[in-house]
Amino acid sequence: MSTLDEPWLADTPPSTRFPIYTRSNISEVFPDVVTPLAATGEVWRGAEHGWRNGLIRFGAFDKDEFDSEHDEMIGIFGGYGYLNVSVSRVMGVRMPGSNPDLVDQSYFGSQPGVPPYDPRPEDVNSALTARMGEIINWAMTADGLPELEEYRTAASDLRRERPDLDTLTNAQLAKHALGIQESLFLPWVSDHFFLIYVASIPVGGLTALTAGLGVPELLPPLISGFGDVDSAAPSLAMWDLGRLARSSDALQTLFGEGVKGLDTRLRQSPDADAVAFVKQFDDFLYEFGSRGVNEWEMNTPTWQTHPDIALGAIDRMRIADENKAPRTNLARMAQDRTNAIETVRNKIAGDEAATAQFEALLHAAEVFLPARERSKTSLVRMIGEVKVPFRELGLRLAEAEHLDHPEDFALVTRQEFDDFVANPGSYTHVIRDRRARMEEMAALVPPFIVVGEPPAPDTWERRDARSAETAADGVVLHGVAACAGVATGPARVINDPSQADELEPGEILVAPGTDPSWTPLFVSSAAVVVDVGAPMSHAAIVSRELGIPCVVSCTDATRRITNGTLITVDGAAGTVTIGQ
């Protein structure tokens, strides 16, 4: 019997003061149903209060404007996570040089059905506008946040100091994982949200400046090509591993037998090339193994816990042509940025005020766009050190038949967790019921936008019943320009990065949305098209750093484009043309 008409134990009430929520952006870190452990523990509390702290530090709000009893920044409806848009619209009202429309563009891209901004007198606050003006002035000359290097070092220390998990009891595994999470997540995520808003300053300023000069197509190159963006680093290392595999007959044979079981075959092979590859791959996993799907959840796979996922992406790079080398594209993007800067400088030559503003915006972009990605990388690496002991705990409890699946440890709440670790057998049936409920919710499509009270989940569209008219030859789908460039090739619709081995060289990746675990697929793609997203979403940021033509917010692209269809992606125009 369906239980969809009953509230999910992790659901939260919507805010009355800030009533509009969206799945946009949060789907990069919580694409699936939020587990009880994440929803009732430090991750959700840290995200809620970290966002509040970031807004207060940015000068957009006073602390007493937020509800002290209930979540407002984020919500869980029908099991799925949502971000509050109304809060950010108010920030757009108060922020000098901004407005709610610019906020909408950063959140929604070109998604349909977005309700208009409803102004309220309390949204205007001249004192907070002045405070944000001070932050903006600071950002134009600052050299970043010193805390970022401290977090980067601390994340590295966590990995280096990881205890021998085999020697820990179940209670010690839980204590180690929760101790990291509950001591570090809130301060790190607070600075991360602050950086998200600071990074929006140069993007908003350069958007307005390039549009005013009649060259909006110069925005993507102006905010890319920095050459030191942490989210692109794993792709560079994967490319090197792919070239290593390509250069060896023995490795070509091992990879040619398929990705499933590849990690085991490589480690069992006595061939010298395989031994060398495994050594380099282990170094890669040490540095980047925390990356994976659904990265803020506690029970989802990482490249370290499921190395065949990483090997699948490396396999695609193995068969890619040399002209897809990411370092070559990085060099090209850096040159494109230089050219775009010179074009703008020439257009405003003689206007001292405009020139000063442009140079300050460039400085802020160079500092804070990579800083935002560095902050995110440190967070993910820290969370990765939480996932490893949790994974070991889940494996032990599954082996003892207390759990049907190792991932099911996350189906208890934080309040239940200590008792669960001590008495796991008493939760077996409860966990089974919750898994069945989560599978029911996972079969539904959550509304992209929620206004006020969310619709009951039993009214939501089912994934297996979704349909959309296939786009015919000559049809042009419109989205948001993310990275300039034009590419033509057969489409490959992929709904999960674990399907990396389905992507062939020269194909165009069409995805519902992406998080950092998708990044390696970009390298072997001719272009990228994403259903949702905006200029500062993950797909846009990474495509610009890797030089891959990209269109985001191309509504229903994964349903309207079929595998093998020839499409042309124009990343500057934000269009996807079906057929020749």
Foldseek 3Di string as FASTA:
>chain_A
DAPLLPFDPLFFAEDPVQFKKFPFQVCQQFVAQAFQACSFDLNVVLLQVLLVLLCVVLLQDDPVVDDPPGGHQWGAGLRGIIGGLSSVQLSQQLAPPGHSVVSCQFGFFPDPDDDDDDDDPVSYDPVSNVSNVVVLVCLLPDQADPVLVVLVVVLLVLLVPQDDLVPDALLRLLCQLRVLSVPPRNVLSSVLSNLVVLLVSLLSVVCVLCVVLVRNLLSLLLLALLQDAVLLVLLLLLLVLLQLLLVDPVSVVLVVVDLVCSLVVLVPDPDPSSVVSNVSVVVSCSVQQLDDGSLSHQQGHTCNNPVSLSVLLSNLSNQADPVLNLVVLSVVSNVSNVVSVVVSCVSCPPPVVVVSVNSSSSSSSSRRLSSSSSSVSSSSSSSSSSNVSLLVSLVVCVVVVLEVGSSLLSNDHPVCNSVCSVPSNVCSVVSVVSVVNSVVSRQFDADRMGGRGGDRRVPTHGPVPDADAADDAFDKFATAQQAADKAKAWEDEDEHSSVSNVDHARYEYEYQAHYSSNLSSQSRYQAYEYCTRHNSHPRSRSCSSSVHQYAYNRHCPSRRHDTGWIWMGGNSRRMIGTDD
